[in-house]
PDB file of N, CA and C in Angstrom:
ATOM      1  N   UNK A   1       0.801  -1.141   0.063  1.00  0.00           N
ATOM      2  CA  UNK A   1       0.064   0.052   0.025  1.00  0.00           C
ATOM      3  C   UNK A   1       0.807   1.176  -0.035  1.00  0.00           C
ATOM      4  N   UNK A   2       0.514   2.289  -0.827  1.00  0.00           N
ATOM      5  CA  UNK A   2       1.201   3.453  -0.813  1.00  0.00           C
ATOM      6  C   UNK A   2       0.808   4.334   0.312  1.00  0.00           C
ATOM      7  N   UNK A   3       1.795   4.911   1.002  1.00  0.00           N
ATOM      8  CA  UNK A   3       1.584   5.801   2.208  1.00  0.00           C
ATOM      9  C   UNK A   3       2.072   7.063   1.727  1.00  0.00           C
ATOM     10  N   UNK A   4       1.213   8.013   1.358  1.00  0.00           N
ATOM     11  CA  UNK A   4       1.571   9.266   0.824  1.00  0.00           C
ATOM     12  C   UNK A   4       1.833  10.103   2.128  1.00  0.00           C
ATOM     13  N   UNK A   5       3.087  10.921   1.981  1.00  0.00           N
ATOM     14  CA  UNK A   5       3.606  11.863   2.998  1.00  0.00           C
ATOM     15  C   UNK A   5       3.753  13.188   2.146  1.00  0.00           C
ATOM     16  N   UNK A   6       3.757  14.343   2.923  1.00  0.00           N
ATOM     17  CA  UNK A   6       4.042  15.545   2.312  1.00  0.00           C
ATOM     18  C   UNK A   6       5.568  15.583   1.794  1.00  0.00           C
ATOM     19  N   UNK A   7       5.646  15.986   0.513  1.00  0.00           N
ATOM     20  CA  UNK A   7       7.021  15.786  -0.041  1.00  0.00           C
ATOM     21  C   UNK A   7       7.947  16.834   0.515  1.00  0.00           C
ATOM     22  N   UNK A   8       7.617  18.071   0.831  1.00  0.00           N
ATOM     23  CA  UNK A   8       8.439  18.958   1.367  1.00  0.00           C
ATOM     24  C   UNK A   8       9.105  18.605   2.653  1.00  0.00           C
ATOM     25  N   UNK A   9       8.055  18.033   3.515  1.00  0.00           N
ATOM     26  CA  UNK A   9       8.564  17.551   4.860  1.00  0.00           C
ATOM     27  C   UNK A   9       9.358  16.385   4.657  1.00  0.00           C
ATOM     28  N   UNK A  10       9.230  15.509   3.765  1.00  0.00           N
ATOM     29  CA  UNK A  10      10.013  14.274   3.560  1.00  0.00           C
ATOM     30  C   UNK A  10      11.431  14.691   2.993  1.00  0.00           C
ATOM     31  N   UNK A  11      11.395  15.659   2.091  1.00  0.00           N
ATOM     32  CA  UNK A  11      12.575  16.226   1.379  1.00  0.00           C
ATOM     33  C   UNK A  11      13.522  16.822   2.454  1.00  0.00           C
ATOM     34  N   UNK A  12      12.988  17.385   3.449  1.00  0.00           N
ATOM     35  CA  UNK A  12      13.728  18.075   4.537  1.00  0.00           C
ATOM     36  C   UNK A  12      14.444  17.175   5.486  1.00  0.00           C
ATOM     37  N   UNK A  13      13.982  15.969   5.463  1.00  0.00           N
ATOM     38  CA  UNK A  13      14.636  14.998   6.374  1.00  0.00           C
ATOM     39  C   UNK A  13      15.841  14.397   5.646  1.00  0.00           C
ATOM     40  N   UNK A  14      16.763  13.925   6.529  1.00  0.00           N
ATOM     41  CA  UNK A  14      18.115  13.266   6.046  1.00  0.00           C
ATOM     42  C   UNK A  14      17.544  11.752   5.596  1.00  0.00           C
ATOM     43  N   UNK A  15      18.535  11.264   4.769  1.00  0.00           N
ATOM     44  CA  UNK A  15      18.405   9.903   4.309  1.00  0.00           C
ATOM     45  C   UNK A  15      18.205   8.861   5.616  1.00  0.00           C
ATOM     46  N   UNK A  16      18.982   9.051   6.574  1.00  0.00           N
ATOM     47  CA  UNK A  16      19.041   8.130   7.768  1.00  0.00           C
ATOM     48  C   UNK A  16      17.653   8.301   8.268  1.00  0.00           C
ATOM     49  N   UNK A  17      17.143   9.455   8.585  1.00  0.00           N
ATOM     50  CA  UNK A  17      15.792   9.703   9.195  1.00  0.00           C
ATOM     51  C   UNK A  17      14.756   9.149   8.218  1.00  0.00           C
ATOM     52  N   UNK A  18      14.794   9.258   6.960  1.00  0.00           N
ATOM     53  CA  UNK A  18      13.830   8.636   6.062  1.00  0.00           C
ATOM     54  C   UNK A  18      13.774   7.065   6.140  1.00  0.00           C
ATOM     55  N   UNK A  19      15.041   6.605   6.134  1.00  0.00           N
ATOM     56  CA  UNK A  19      15.167   5.069   6.268  1.00  0.00           C
ATOM     57  C   UNK A  19      14.420   4.578   7.626  1.00  0.00           C
ATOM     58  N   UNK A  20      14.788   5.232   8.808  1.00  0.00           N
ATOM     59  CA  UNK A  20      14.316   4.915  10.035  1.00  0.00           C
ATOM     60  C   UNK A  20      12.691   5.031  10.018  1.00  0.00           C
ATOM     61  N   UNK A  21      12.170   6.069   9.453  1.00  0.00           N
ATOM     62  CA  UNK A  21      10.720   6.035   9.398  1.00  0.00           C
ATOM     63  C   UNK A  21      10.142   4.962   8.418  1.00  0.00           C
ATOM     64  N   UNK A  22      10.810   4.808   7.337  1.00  0.00           N
ATOM     65  CA  UNK A  22      10.286   3.580   6.420  1.00  0.00           C
ATOM     66  C   UNK A  22      10.320   2.142   7.258  1.00  0.00           C
ATOM     67  N   UNK A  23      11.414   2.074   7.984  1.00  0.00           N
ATOM     68  CA  UNK A  23      11.556   0.891   8.764  1.00  0.00           C
ATOM     69  C   UNK A  23      10.454   0.753   9.787  1.00  0.00           C
ATOM     70  N   UNK A  24      10.101   1.826  10.443  1.00  0.00           N
ATOM     71  CA  UNK A  24       9.037   1.902  11.529  1.00  0.00           C
ATOM     72  C   UNK A  24       7.655   1.565  10.945  1.00  0.00           C
ATOM     73  N   UNK A  25       7.445   2.123   9.808  1.00  0.00           N
ATOM     74  CA  UNK A  25       6.045   2.133   9.225  1.00  0.00           C
ATOM     75  C   UNK A  25       6.011   0.703   8.582  1.00  0.00           C
ATOM     76  N   UNK A  26       6.941   0.157   8.025  1.00  0.00           N
ATOM     77  CA  UNK A  26       6.977  -1.160   7.288  1.00  0.00           C
ATOM     78  C   UNK A  26       7.020  -2.300   8.450  1.00  0.00           C
ATOM     79  N   UNK A  27       7.516  -1.985   9.526  1.00  0.00           N
ATOM     80  CA  UNK A  27       7.559  -2.893  10.627  1.00  0.00           C
ATOM     81  C   UNK A  27       6.091  -3.193  11.154  1.00  0.00           C
ATOM     82  N   UNK A  28       5.275  -2.109  11.109  1.00  0.00           N
ATOM     83  CA  UNK A  28       3.922  -2.459  11.503  1.00  0.00           C
ATOM     84  C   UNK A  28       2.863  -2.595  10.430  1.00  0.00           C
ATOM     85  N   UNK A  29       3.183  -2.121   9.211  1.00  0.00           N
ATOM     86  CA  UNK A  29       2.366  -2.346   7.871  1.00  0.00           C
ATOM     87  C   UNK A  29       3.221  -2.818   6.809  1.00  0.00           C
ATOM     88  N   UNK A  30       3.237  -4.382   6.748  1.00  0.00           N
ATOM     89  CA  UNK A  30       4.231  -4.950   6.031  1.00  0.00           C
ATOM     90  C   UNK A  30       4.376  -4.538   4.597  1.00  0.00           C
ATOM     91  N   UNK A  31       3.151  -4.218   3.977  1.00  0.00           N
ATOM     92  CA  UNK A  31       3.158  -3.840   2.539  1.00  0.00           C
ATOM     93  C   UNK A  31       3.231  -2.357   2.282  1.00  0.00           C
ATOM     94  N   UNK A  32       3.729  -1.551   3.204  1.00  0.00           N
ATOM     95  CA  UNK A  32       3.549  -0.180   3.095  1.00  0.00           C
ATOM     96  C   UNK A  32       4.865   0.431   2.253  1.00  0.00           C
ATOM     97  N   UNK A  33       4.616   1.468   1.559  1.00  0.00           N
ATOM     98  CA  UNK A  33       5.669   2.062   0.708  1.00  0.00           C
ATOM     99  C   UNK A  33       5.433   3.567   0.813  1.00  0.00           C
ATOM    100  N   UNK A  34       6.471   4.133   1.427  1.00  0.00           N
ATOM    101  CA  UNK A  34       6.365   5.644   1.574  1.00  0.00           C
ATOM    102  C   UNK A  34       6.380   6.395   0.323  1.00  0.00           C
ATOM    103  N   UNK A  35       5.529   7.291  -0.101  1.00  0.00           N
ATOM    104  CA  UNK A  35       5.476   7.959  -1.430  1.00  0.00           C
ATOM    105  C   UNK A  35       5.411   9.406  -1.156  1.00  0.00           C
ATOM    106  N   UNK A  36       6.341  10.229  -1.327  1.00  0.00           N
ATOM    107  CA  UNK A  36       6.285  11.598  -1.171  1.00  0.00           C
ATOM    108  C   UNK A  36       5.272  12.239  -2.131  1.00  0.00           C
ATOM    109  N   UNK A  37       4.479  13.106  -1.750  1.00  0.00           N
ATOM    110  CA  UNK A  37       3.418  13.628  -2.686  1.00  0.00           C
ATOM    111  C   UNK A  37       3.121  15.053  -2.403  1.00  0.00           C
ATOM    112  N   UNK A  38       3.044  15.927  -3.276  1.00  0.00           N
ATOM    113  CA  UNK A  38       2.921  17.441  -3.122  1.00  0.00           C
ATOM    114  C   UNK A  38       1.503  17.663  -2.676  1.00  0.00           C
ATOM    115  N   UNK A  39       0.538  16.903  -2.964  1.00  0.00           N
ATOM    116  CA  UNK A  39      -0.899  17.220  -2.626  1.00  0.00           C
ATOM    117  C   UNK A  39      -1.150  16.646  -1.248  1.00  0.00           C
ATOM    118  N   UNK A  40      -0.331  15.931  -0.691  1.00  0.00           N
ATOM    119  CA  UNK A  40      -0.540  15.512   0.729  1.00  0.00           C
ATOM    120  C   UNK A  40      -0.349  16.663   1.649  1.00  0.00           C
ATOM    121  N   UNK A  41      -1.275  16.828   2.527  1.00  0.00           N
ATOM    122  CA  UNK A  41      -1.161  17.878   3.754  1.00  0.00           C
ATOM    123  C   UNK A  41       0.128  17.687   4.656  1.00  0.00           C
ATOM    124  N   UNK A  42       0.679  18.766   5.083  1.00  0.00           N
ATOM    125  CA  UNK A  42       1.793  18.620   5.869  1.00  0.00           C
ATOM    126  C   UNK A  42       1.269  17.838   7.306  1.00  0.00           C
ATOM    127  N   UNK A  43       2.181  17.224   8.044  1.00  0.00           N
ATOM    128  CA  UNK A  43       1.785  16.399   9.046  1.00  0.00           C
ATOM    129  C   UNK A  43       0.873  16.949  10.043  1.00  0.00           C
ATOM    130  N   UNK A  44       0.752  18.157  10.229  1.00  0.00           N
ATOM    131  CA  UNK A  44      -0.097  18.816  11.154  1.00  0.00           C
ATOM    132  C   UNK A  44      -1.593  18.735  10.923  1.00  0.00           C
ATOM    133  N   UNK A  45      -1.923  18.346   9.577  1.00  0.00           N
ATOM    134  CA  UNK A  45      -3.151  18.160   9.044  1.00  0.00           C
ATOM    135  C   UNK A  45      -3.493  16.873   8.703  1.00  0.00           C
ATOM    136  N   UNK A  46      -4.465  16.334   9.345  1.00  0.00           N
ATOM    137  CA  UNK A  46      -4.883  14.955   9.177  1.00  0.00           C
ATOM    138  C   UNK A  46      -6.300  14.714   8.512  1.00  0.00           C
ATOM    139  N   UNK A  47      -6.571  13.896   7.582  1.00  0.00           N
ATOM    140  CA  UNK A  47      -7.830  13.610   7.027  1.00  0.00           C
ATOM    141  C   UNK A  47      -8.744  12.965   8.106  1.00  0.00           C
ATOM    142  N   UNK A  48     -10.129  13.132   7.979  1.00  0.00           N
ATOM    143  CA  UNK A  48     -11.044  12.676   8.949  1.00  0.00           C
ATOM    144  C   UNK A  48     -11.105  10.988   8.721  1.00  0.00           C
ATOM    145  N   UNK A  49     -11.363  10.340   9.852  1.00  0.00           N
ATOM    146  CA  UNK A  49     -11.467   8.858   9.611  1.00  0.00           C
ATOM    147  C   UNK A  49     -12.775   8.453   9.069  1.00  0.00           C
ATOM    148  N   UNK A  50     -12.744   7.471   8.370  1.00  0.00           N
ATOM    149  CA  UNK A  50     -13.814   6.792   7.602  1.00  0.00           C
ATOM    150  C   UNK A  50     -14.630   5.892   8.437  1.00  0.00           C
ATOM    151  N   UNK A  51     -15.903   5.820   8.445  1.00  0.00           N
ATOM    152  CA  UNK A  51     -16.638   4.650   9.166  1.00  0.00           C
ATOM    153  C   UNK A  51     -16.394   3.377   8.583  1.00  0.00           C
ATOM    154  N   UNK A  52     -16.222   2.183   9.289  1.00  0.00           N
ATOM    155  CA  UNK A  52     -15.930   0.942   8.738  1.00  0.00           C
ATOM    156  C   UNK A  52     -16.949  -0.157   9.053  1.00  0.00           C
ATOM    157  N   UNK A  53     -16.992  -1.097   8.349  1.00  0.00           N
ATOM    158  CA  UNK A  53     -17.906  -2.230   8.585  1.00  0.00           C
ATOM    159  C   UNK A  53     -17.273  -3.264   9.480  1.00  0.00           C
ATOM    160  N   UNK A  54     -15.956  -3.439   9.552  1.00  0.00           N
ATOM    161  CA  UNK A  54     -15.418  -4.571  10.260  1.00  0.00           C
ATOM    162  C   UNK A  54     -14.642  -3.835  11.506  1.00  0.00           C
ATOM    163  N   UNK A  55     -15.222  -4.000  12.655  1.00  0.00           N
ATOM    164  CA  UNK A  55     -14.672  -3.367  13.716  1.00  0.00           C
ATOM    165  C   UNK A  55     -13.285  -4.139  14.277  1.00  0.00           C
ATOM    166  N   UNK A  56     -13.226  -5.393  13.874  1.00  0.00           N
ATOM    167  CA  UNK A  56     -11.818  -6.085  14.237  1.00  0.00           C
ATOM    168  C   UNK A  56     -10.763  -5.529  13.432  1.00  0.00           C
ATOM    169  N   UNK A  57     -10.997  -5.463  12.165  1.00  0.00           N
ATOM    170  CA  UNK A  57     -10.036  -4.953  11.192  1.00  0.00           C
ATOM    171  C   UNK A  57      -9.689  -3.613  11.654  1.00  0.00           C
ATOM    172  N   UNK A  58     -10.645  -2.810  11.881  1.00  0.00           N
ATOM    173  CA  UNK A  58     -10.342  -1.405  12.459  1.00  0.00           C
ATOM    174  C   UNK A  58      -9.509  -1.399  13.697  1.00  0.00           C
ATOM    175  N   UNK A  59      -9.712  -2.272  14.644  1.00  0.00           N
ATOM    176  CA  UNK A  59      -9.048  -2.248  15.789  1.00  0.00           C
ATOM    177  C   UNK A  59      -7.622  -2.826  15.628  1.00  0.00           C
ATOM    178  N   UNK A  60      -7.346  -3.625  14.713  1.00  0.00           N
ATOM    179  CA  UNK A  60      -5.998  -4.071  14.378  1.00  0.00           C
ATOM    180  C   UNK A  60      -5.149  -3.013  13.570  1.00  0.00           C
ATOM    181  N   UNK A  61      -6.041  -2.158  12.774  1.00  0.00           N
ATOM    182  CA  UNK A  61      -5.145  -1.005  12.069  1.00  0.00           C
ATOM    183  C   UNK A  61      -4.952  -0.027  13.313  1.00  0.00           C
ATOM    184  N   UNK A  62      -5.946   0.191  14.140  1.00  0.00           N
ATOM    185  CA  UNK A  62      -5.562   1.146  15.226  1.00  0.00           C
ATOM    186  C   UNK A  62      -4.325   0.764  16.091  1.00  0.00           C
ATOM    187  N   UNK A  63      -4.378  -0.555  16.352  1.00  0.00           N
ATOM    188  CA  UNK A  63      -3.248  -0.991  17.171  1.00  0.00           C
ATOM    189  C   UNK A  63      -1.923  -0.784  16.537  1.00  0.00           C
ATOM    190  N   UNK A  64      -1.832  -1.216  15.183  1.00  0.00           N
ATOM    191  CA  UNK A  64      -0.639  -1.069  14.468  1.00  0.00           C
ATOM    192  C   UNK A  64      -0.196   0.457  14.362  1.00  0.00           C
ATOM    193  N   UNK A  65      -1.261   1.207  14.164  1.00  0.00           N
ATOM    194  CA  UNK A  65      -0.896   2.702  14.051  1.00  0.00           C
ATOM    195  C   UNK A  65      -0.380   3.272  15.296  1.00  0.00           C
ATOM    196  N   UNK A  66      -0.935   2.781  16.446  1.00  0.00           N
ATOM    197  CA  UNK A  66      -0.458   3.270  17.743  1.00  0.00           C
ATOM    198  C   UNK A  66       1.057   2.762  18.043  1.00  0.00           C
ATOM    199  N   UNK A  67       1.258   1.517  17.731  1.00  0.00           N
ATOM    200  CA  UNK A  67       2.516   1.099  17.969  1.00  0.00           C
ATOM    201  C   UNK A  67       3.559   1.708  17.148  1.00  0.00           C
ATOM    202  N   UNK A  68       3.242   2.095  15.842  1.00  0.00           N
ATOM    203  CA  UNK A  68       4.186   2.778  14.903  1.00  0.00           C
ATOM    204  C   UNK A  68       4.404   4.170  15.365  1.00  0.00           C
ATOM    205  N   UNK A  69       3.360   4.810  15.851  1.00  0.00           N
ATOM    206  CA  UNK A  69       3.395   6.192  16.474  1.00  0.00           C
ATOM    207  C   UNK A  69       4.358   6.276  17.610  1.00  0.00           C
ATOM    208  N   UNK A  70       4.304   5.240  18.429  1.00  0.00           N
ATOM    209  CA  UNK A  70       4.986   5.189  19.716  1.00  0.00           C
ATOM    210  C   UNK A  70       6.505   4.876  19.313  1.00  0.00           C
ATOM    211  N   UNK A  71       6.685   4.113  18.248  1.00  0.00           N
ATOM    212  CA  UNK A  71       8.020   3.810  17.791  1.00  0.00           C
ATOM    213  C   UNK A  71       8.705   5.277  17.282  1.00  0.00           C
ATOM    214  N   UNK A  72       7.993   6.105  16.631  1.00  0.00           N
ATOM    215  CA  UNK A  72       8.671   7.227  16.104  1.00  0.00           C
ATOM    216  C   UNK A  72       9.159   8.172  17.092  1.00  0.00           C
ATOM    217  N   UNK A  73       8.643   7.979  18.405  1.00  0.00           N
ATOM    218  CA  UNK A  73       9.176   8.929  19.431  1.00  0.00           C
ATOM    219  C   UNK A  73      10.731   8.654  19.550  1.00  0.00           C
ATOM    220  N   UNK A  74      11.299   7.523  19.192  1.00  0.00           N
ATOM    221  CA  UNK A  74      12.766   7.429  19.311  1.00  0.00           C
ATOM    222  C   UNK A  74      13.619   8.110  18.331  1.00  0.00           C
ATOM    223  N   UNK A  75      12.999   8.709  17.410  1.00  0.00           N
ATOM    224  CA  UNK A  75      13.754   9.402  16.359  1.00  0.00           C
ATOM    225  C   UNK A  75      14.537  10.461  16.712  1.00  0.00           C
ATOM    226  N   UNK A  76      14.053  11.258  17.858  1.00  0.00           N
ATOM    227  CA  UNK A  76      14.804  12.439  18.284  1.00  0.00           C
ATOM    228  C   UNK A  76      14.572  13.757  17.566  1.00  0.00           C
ATOM    229  N   UNK A  77      14.774  13.820  16.425  1.00  0.00           N
ATOM    230  CA  UNK A  77      14.670  15.045  15.442  1.00  0.00           C
ATOM    231  C   UNK A  77      12.961  15.219  15.375  1.00  0.00           C
ATOM    232  N   UNK A  78      12.650  16.558  15.920  1.00  0.00           N
ATOM    233  CA  UNK A  78      11.201  16.817  15.941  1.00  0.00           C
ATOM    234  C   UNK A  78      10.567  16.650  14.552  1.00  0.00           C
ATOM    235  N   UNK A  79      11.153  17.201  13.558  1.00  0.00           N
ATOM    236  CA  UNK A  79      10.500  17.149  12.159  1.00  0.00           C
ATOM    237  C   UNK A  79      10.619  15.606  11.700  1.00  0.00           C
ATOM    238  N   UNK A  80      11.441  14.794  12.192  1.00  0.00           N
ATOM    239  CA  UNK A  80      11.539  13.348  11.687  1.00  0.00           C
ATOM    240  C   UNK A  80      10.267  12.662  12.433  1.00  0.00           C
ATOM    241  N   UNK A  81      10.206  13.073  13.775  1.00  0.00           N
ATOM    242  CA  UNK A  81       9.123  12.518  14.491  1.00  0.00           C
ATOM    243  C   UNK A  81       7.806  12.892  13.927  1.00  0.00           C
ATOM    244  N   UNK A  82       7.570  14.127  13.471  1.00  0.00           N
ATOM    245  CA  UNK A  82       6.386  14.502  12.974  1.00  0.00           C
ATOM    246  C   UNK A  82       5.998  13.811  11.536  1.00  0.00           C
ATOM    247  N   UNK A  83       7.062  13.719  10.888  1.00  0.00           N
ATOM    248  CA  UNK A  83       6.792  13.065   9.568  1.00  0.00           C
ATOM    249  C   UNK A  83       6.604  11.526   9.804  1.00  0.00           C
ATOM    250  N   UNK A  84       7.272  10.988  10.596  1.00  0.00           N
ATOM    251  CA  UNK A  84       7.091   9.530  11.039  1.00  0.00           C
ATOM    252  C   UNK A  84       5.536   9.422  11.590  1.00  0.00           C
ATOM    253  N   UNK A  85       5.015  10.256  12.507  1.00  0.00           N
ATOM    254  CA  UNK A  85       3.724  10.099  12.927  1.00  0.00           C
ATOM    255  C   UNK A  85       2.698  10.308  11.732  1.00  0.00           C
ATOM    256  N   UNK A  86       3.101  11.180  10.989  1.00  0.00           N
ATOM    257  CA  UNK A  86       1.987  11.495   9.754  1.00  0.00           C
ATOM    258  C   UNK A  86       2.071  10.021   8.951  1.00  0.00           C
ATOM    259  N   UNK A  87       3.168   9.540   8.646  1.00  0.00           N
ATOM    260  CA  UNK A  87       3.273   8.430   8.010  1.00  0.00           C
ATOM    261  C   UNK A  87       2.586   7.255   8.609  1.00  0.00           C
ATOM    262  N   UNK A  88       2.620   7.002   9.886  1.00  0.00           N
ATOM    263  CA  UNK A  88       1.963   6.095  10.656  1.00  0.00           C
ATOM    264  C   UNK A  88       0.448   6.328  10.611  1.00  0.00           C
ATOM    265  N   UNK A  89       0.052   7.587  10.766  1.00  0.00           N
ATOM    266  CA  UNK A  89      -1.274   7.889  10.698  1.00  0.00           C
ATOM    267  C   UNK A  89      -1.869   7.571   9.125  1.00  0.00           C
ATOM    268  N   UNK A  90      -1.166   7.994   8.220  1.00  0.00           N
ATOM    269  CA  UNK A  90      -1.593   7.642   6.760  1.00  0.00           C
ATOM    270  C   UNK A  90      -1.671   6.166   6.532  1.00  0.00           C
ATOM    271  N   UNK A  91      -0.658   5.346   7.103  1.00  0.00           N
ATOM    272  CA  UNK A  91      -0.768   3.987   7.027  1.00  0.00           C
ATOM    273  C   UNK A  91      -2.000   3.529   7.586  1.00  0.00           C
ATOM    274  N   UNK A  92      -2.216   3.892   8.964  1.00  0.00           N
ATOM    275  CA  UNK A  92      -3.357   3.503   9.597  1.00  0.00           C
ATOM    276  C   UNK A  92      -4.840   3.767   8.924  1.00  0.00           C
ATOM    277  N   UNK A  93      -4.750   5.062   8.374  1.00  0.00           N
ATOM    278  CA  UNK A  93      -5.966   5.303   7.519  1.00  0.00           C
ATOM    279  C   UNK A  93      -6.149   4.480   6.352  1.00  0.00           C
ATOM    280  N   UNK A  94      -5.085   4.143   5.595  1.00  0.00           N
ATOM    281  CA  UNK A  94      -5.070   3.243   4.492  1.00  0.00           C
ATOM    282  C   UNK A  94      -5.513   1.824   4.830  1.00  0.00           C
ATOM    283  N   UNK A  95      -5.084   1.382   6.105  1.00  0.00           N
ATOM    284  CA  UNK A  95      -5.271  -0.010   6.484  1.00  0.00           C
ATOM    285  C   UNK A  95      -6.788   0.034   6.810  1.00  0.00           C
ATOM    286  N   UNK A  96      -7.342   0.993   7.697  1.00  0.00           N
ATOM    287  CA  UNK A  96      -8.673   1.026   7.831  1.00  0.00           C
ATOM    288  C   UNK A  96      -9.588   1.158   6.692  1.00  0.00           C
ATOM    289  N   UNK A  97      -9.136   1.792   5.628  1.00  0.00           N
ATOM    290  CA  UNK A  97      -9.863   2.000   4.269  1.00  0.00           C
ATOM    291  C   UNK A  97     -10.029   0.576   3.648  1.00  0.00           C
ATOM    292  N   UNK A  98      -8.947  -0.302   3.984  1.00  0.00           N
ATOM    293  CA  UNK A  98      -9.082  -1.528   3.326  1.00  0.00           C
ATOM    294  C   UNK A  98      -9.787  -2.604   4.022  1.00  0.00           C
ATOM    295  N   UNK A  99     -10.383  -2.278   5.155  1.00  0.00           N
ATOM    296  CA  UNK A  99     -11.172  -3.223   6.026  1.00  0.00           C
ATOM    297  C   UNK A  99     -12.556  -3.609   5.316  1.00  0.00           C
TER     298      UNK A  99
END
């Protein structure tokens, strides 16, 4: 699944931080691929959640997102943390969309 992140925020990160974010997101969402995108809002702006039919699938997505978000805290750089949290959120949204 493609996980779109704001391209300007992504470009502002170093290669090491980008790789660590990818590792975190892929660690919890196995088929995730980070895709920088100009149309994706900056990490402070999140789309609204979509209502789902399968509550167990939604719960699994919520747990994976929470775990990935918690792992982002270890990055240190505030910009990297924000980008990582945004990527984890986008992955959670896409996961829930597929439920």
